[in-house]
Amino acid sequence: MTQIAAEPIAWRQLLARIGRNALARIDHKGIQMHRLTQAILRDYLSQSQADTTRAHGEAILASIDTGDPDDPGTWHQTYAR
């Protein structure tokens, strides 16, 4: 998954697929998953699966270099790729 995030075309294709399947809303502000989708995933995943999923998410975010995570002014850089 982190390989996809590192490649702009593959990353955009993944985001498009997530949006088409209505798993999250994706726009210029970022990615937002609906609360019910989050709740279903939390209930469905075992603790080990949740830990693995969280680790993958963290690795993806780290691989796309969002700039200074404490400065919202740098967040747009992620989506401008």
N, C-alpha and C. Protein backbone atom coordinates (compact mmCIF):
# COMPACT_ATOMS: atom_id res chain seq x y z
N MET A 1 0.82 -1.19 0.00
CA MET A 1 0.00 0.00 0.00
C MET A 1 0.87 1.25 0.00
N THR A 2 1.97 1.24 0.72
CA THR A 2 2.82 2.43 0.75
C THR A 2 3.45 2.69 -0.60
N GLN A 3 3.63 1.61 -1.42
CA GLN A 3 4.16 1.82 -2.76
C GLN A 3 3.17 2.63 -3.60
N ILE A 4 1.88 2.39 -3.41
CA ILE A 4 0.85 3.12 -4.15
C ILE A 4 0.88 4.59 -3.76
N ALA A 5 1.00 4.88 -2.48
CA ALA A 5 1.02 6.26 -2.03
C ALA A 5 2.23 7.01 -2.55
N ALA A 6 3.30 6.31 -2.81
CA ALA A 6 4.52 6.96 -3.29
C ALA A 6 4.46 7.29 -4.78
N GLU A 7 3.51 6.69 -5.51
CA GLU A 7 3.39 6.94 -6.94
C GLU A 7 2.14 7.77 -7.20
N PRO A 8 2.28 9.00 -7.67
CA PRO A 8 1.13 9.91 -7.83
C PRO A 8 -0.02 9.35 -8.64
N ILE A 9 0.24 8.68 -9.76
CA ILE A 9 -0.85 8.16 -10.58
C ILE A 9 -1.59 7.05 -9.85
N ALA A 10 -0.85 6.12 -9.26
CA ALA A 10 -1.48 5.02 -8.52
C ALA A 10 -2.26 5.56 -7.33
N TRP A 11 -1.72 6.58 -6.66
CA TRP A 11 -2.38 7.18 -5.50
C TRP A 11 -3.72 7.79 -5.92
N ARG A 12 -3.72 8.53 -7.04
CA ARG A 12 -4.96 9.15 -7.52
C ARG A 12 -5.97 8.09 -7.93
N GLN A 13 -5.52 7.00 -8.53
CA GLN A 13 -6.42 5.91 -8.91
C GLN A 13 -7.05 5.27 -7.67
N LEU A 14 -6.24 5.09 -6.64
CA LEU A 14 -6.76 4.53 -5.40
C LEU A 14 -7.79 5.47 -4.78
N LEU A 15 -7.50 6.76 -4.73
CA LEU A 15 -8.45 7.72 -4.18
C LEU A 15 -9.74 7.74 -4.99
N ALA A 16 -9.64 7.65 -6.31
CA ALA A 16 -10.83 7.63 -7.16
C ALA A 16 -11.68 6.40 -6.87
N ARG A 17 -11.02 5.28 -6.68
CA ARG A 17 -11.77 4.04 -6.38
C ARG A 17 -12.47 4.13 -5.03
N ILE A 18 -11.79 4.69 -4.05
CA ILE A 18 -12.40 4.88 -2.73
C ILE A 18 -13.62 5.79 -2.85
N GLY A 19 -13.49 6.87 -3.62
CA GLY A 19 -14.60 7.79 -3.82
C GLY A 19 -15.75 7.16 -4.58
N ARG A 20 -15.45 6.40 -5.65
CA ARG A 20 -16.51 5.74 -6.44
C ARG A 20 -17.31 4.77 -5.59
N ASN A 21 -16.64 4.10 -4.68
CA ASN A 21 -17.32 3.12 -3.82
C ASN A 21 -17.96 3.77 -2.60
N ALA A 22 -17.90 5.09 -2.54
CA ALA A 22 -18.52 5.87 -1.46
C ALA A 22 -17.99 5.47 -0.08
N LEU A 23 -16.72 5.06 -0.02
CA LEU A 23 -16.12 4.72 1.27
C LEU A 23 -15.63 5.95 2.00
N ALA A 24 -15.44 7.04 1.24
CA ALA A 24 -14.99 8.29 1.84
C ALA A 24 -15.30 9.42 0.86
N ARG A 25 -15.38 10.63 1.40
CA ARG A 25 -15.53 11.82 0.57
C ARG A 25 -14.13 12.39 0.36
N ILE A 26 -13.80 12.62 -0.89
CA ILE A 26 -12.47 13.11 -1.23
C ILE A 26 -12.63 14.41 -2.01
N ASP A 27 -12.03 15.47 -1.50
CA ASP A 27 -12.07 16.75 -2.20
C ASP A 27 -10.79 17.52 -1.90
N HIS A 28 -10.75 18.78 -2.26
CA HIS A 28 -9.54 19.59 -2.08
C HIS A 28 -9.16 19.77 -0.61
N LYS A 29 -10.09 19.50 0.30
CA LYS A 29 -9.80 19.63 1.73
C LYS A 29 -9.17 18.37 2.31
N GLY A 30 -9.33 17.25 1.62
CA GLY A 30 -8.75 16.01 2.12
C GLY A 30 -9.68 14.83 1.95
N ILE A 31 -9.49 13.84 2.79
CA ILE A 31 -10.27 12.61 2.76
C ILE A 31 -11.05 12.54 4.06
N GLN A 32 -12.35 12.28 3.95
CA GLN A 32 -13.17 12.17 5.15
C GLN A 32 -14.06 10.94 5.03
N MET A 33 -13.87 10.02 5.97
CA MET A 33 -14.68 8.81 6.00
C MET A 33 -15.88 9.04 6.91
N HIS A 34 -17.05 8.60 6.45
CA HIS A 34 -18.27 8.77 7.23
C HIS A 34 -18.16 8.01 8.56
N ARG A 35 -18.79 8.58 9.58
CA ARG A 35 -18.74 7.96 10.92
C ARG A 35 -19.27 6.54 10.92
N LEU A 36 -20.33 6.27 10.16
CA LEU A 36 -20.89 4.91 10.14
C LEU A 36 -19.92 3.93 9.49
N THR A 37 -19.26 4.36 8.43
CA THR A 37 -18.26 3.50 7.79
C THR A 37 -17.14 3.20 8.78
N GLN A 38 -16.70 4.23 9.52
CA GLN A 38 -15.67 4.02 10.54
C GLN A 38 -16.14 3.02 11.59
N ALA A 39 -17.38 3.18 12.05
CA ALA A 39 -17.91 2.29 13.09
C ALA A 39 -17.99 0.85 12.60
N ILE A 40 -18.43 0.67 11.35
CA ILE A 40 -18.52 -0.69 10.79
C ILE A 40 -17.14 -1.32 10.72
N LEU A 41 -16.17 -0.56 10.27
CA LEU A 41 -14.81 -1.10 10.20
C LEU A 41 -14.28 -1.45 11.58
N ARG A 42 -14.53 -0.59 12.54
CA ARG A 42 -14.06 -0.87 13.91
C ARG A 42 -14.68 -2.15 14.45
N ASP A 43 -15.98 -2.35 14.19
CA ASP A 43 -16.67 -3.54 14.70
C ASP A 43 -16.26 -4.80 13.95
N TYR A 44 -15.93 -4.65 12.67
CA TYR A 44 -15.62 -5.79 11.82
C TYR A 44 -14.21 -6.33 12.03
N LEU A 45 -13.27 -5.44 12.26
CA LEU A 45 -11.86 -5.84 12.36
C LEU A 45 -11.52 -6.41 13.73
N SER A 46 -10.72 -7.46 13.73
CA SER A 46 -10.18 -7.96 14.99
C SER A 46 -9.13 -6.96 15.47
N GLN A 47 -8.69 -7.09 16.70
CA GLN A 47 -7.67 -6.17 17.23
C GLN A 47 -6.40 -6.24 16.40
N SER A 48 -6.01 -7.43 16.00
CA SER A 48 -4.79 -7.59 15.20
C SER A 48 -4.96 -6.95 13.83
N GLN A 49 -6.14 -7.12 13.20
CA GLN A 49 -6.39 -6.48 11.90
C GLN A 49 -6.41 -4.96 12.05
N ALA A 50 -7.01 -4.46 13.12
CA ALA A 50 -7.07 -3.02 13.36
C ALA A 50 -5.66 -2.45 13.54
N ASP A 51 -4.83 -3.17 14.28
CA ASP A 51 -3.44 -2.73 14.49
C ASP A 51 -2.68 -2.68 13.17
N THR A 52 -2.86 -3.71 12.35
CA THR A 52 -2.19 -3.76 11.05
C THR A 52 -2.69 -2.64 10.15
N THR A 53 -4.00 -2.41 10.13
CA THR A 53 -4.59 -1.36 9.31
C THR A 53 -4.08 0.01 9.74
N ARG A 54 -4.01 0.23 11.03
CA ARG A 54 -3.49 1.50 11.54
C ARG A 54 -2.02 1.69 11.13
N ALA A 55 -1.23 0.63 11.23
CA ALA A 55 0.19 0.71 10.85
C ALA A 55 0.33 1.03 9.36
N HIS A 56 -0.53 0.43 8.52
CA HIS A 56 -0.49 0.73 7.09
C HIS A 56 -0.86 2.19 6.84
N GLY A 57 -1.90 2.66 7.51
CA GLY A 57 -2.31 4.06 7.37
C GLY A 57 -1.21 5.02 7.77
N GLU A 58 -0.55 4.73 8.87
CA GLU A 58 0.56 5.58 9.32
C GLU A 58 1.71 5.55 8.32
N ALA A 59 1.99 4.38 7.76
CA ALA A 59 3.07 4.26 6.78
C ALA A 59 2.74 5.04 5.51
N ILE A 60 1.48 4.99 5.09
CA ILE A 60 1.06 5.74 3.90
C ILE A 60 1.23 7.23 4.14
N LEU A 61 0.75 7.70 5.27
CA LEU A 61 0.87 9.13 5.57
C LEU A 61 2.33 9.55 5.64
N ALA A 62 3.16 8.71 6.24
CA ALA A 62 4.58 9.05 6.34
C ALA A 62 5.24 9.07 4.96
N SER A 63 4.80 8.19 4.07
CA SER A 63 5.45 8.09 2.76
C SER A 63 5.09 9.23 1.83
N ILE A 64 3.98 9.92 2.07
CA ILE A 64 3.59 10.99 1.15
C ILE A 64 4.05 12.36 1.62
N ASP A 65 4.75 12.42 2.74
CA ASP A 65 5.37 13.66 3.22
C ASP A 65 4.42 14.84 3.19
N THR A 66 3.62 14.96 4.21
CA THR A 66 2.62 16.03 4.28
C THR A 66 3.20 17.35 4.74
N GLY A 67 4.50 17.46 4.84
CA GLY A 67 5.10 18.69 5.33
C GLY A 67 5.05 18.70 6.85
N ASP A 68 4.91 19.87 7.41
CA ASP A 68 4.84 20.00 8.86
C ASP A 68 3.44 19.63 9.32
N PRO A 69 3.24 18.49 10.01
CA PRO A 69 1.90 18.05 10.39
C PRO A 69 1.19 19.01 11.35
N ASP A 70 1.94 19.89 12.01
CA ASP A 70 1.32 20.85 12.92
C ASP A 70 0.95 22.16 12.25
N ASP A 71 1.29 22.30 10.97
CA ASP A 71 1.00 23.54 10.23
C ASP A 71 0.01 23.25 9.10
N PRO A 72 -1.29 23.56 9.31
CA PRO A 72 -2.29 23.29 8.27
C PRO A 72 -1.96 23.94 6.93
N GLY A 73 -1.15 24.98 6.93
CA GLY A 73 -0.77 25.63 5.69
C GLY A 73 0.02 24.73 4.76
N THR A 74 0.66 23.69 5.29
CA THR A 74 1.45 22.78 4.46
C THR A 74 0.65 21.55 4.01
N TRP A 75 -0.54 21.36 4.54
CA TRP A 75 -1.31 20.15 4.24
C TRP A 75 -1.70 20.06 2.78
N HIS A 76 -1.95 21.17 2.12
CA HIS A 76 -2.38 21.14 0.72
C HIS A 76 -1.31 20.52 -0.18
N GLN A 77 -0.08 20.51 0.23
CA GLN A 77 1.00 19.97 -0.59
C GLN A 77 0.75 18.51 -0.93
N THR A 78 0.13 17.77 -0.02
CA THR A 78 -0.14 16.36 -0.23
C THR A 78 -1.05 16.17 -1.41
N TYR A 79 -2.05 17.01 -1.57
CA TYR A 79 -3.07 16.82 -2.60
C TYR A 79 -2.69 17.48 -3.91
N ALA A 80 -1.65 18.27 -3.91
CA ALA A 80 -1.23 18.97 -5.13
C ALA A 80 -0.30 18.12 -5.98
N ARG A 81 0.09 16.97 -5.51
CA ARG A 81 1.06 16.12 -6.23
C ARG A 81 0.60 15.77 -7.59
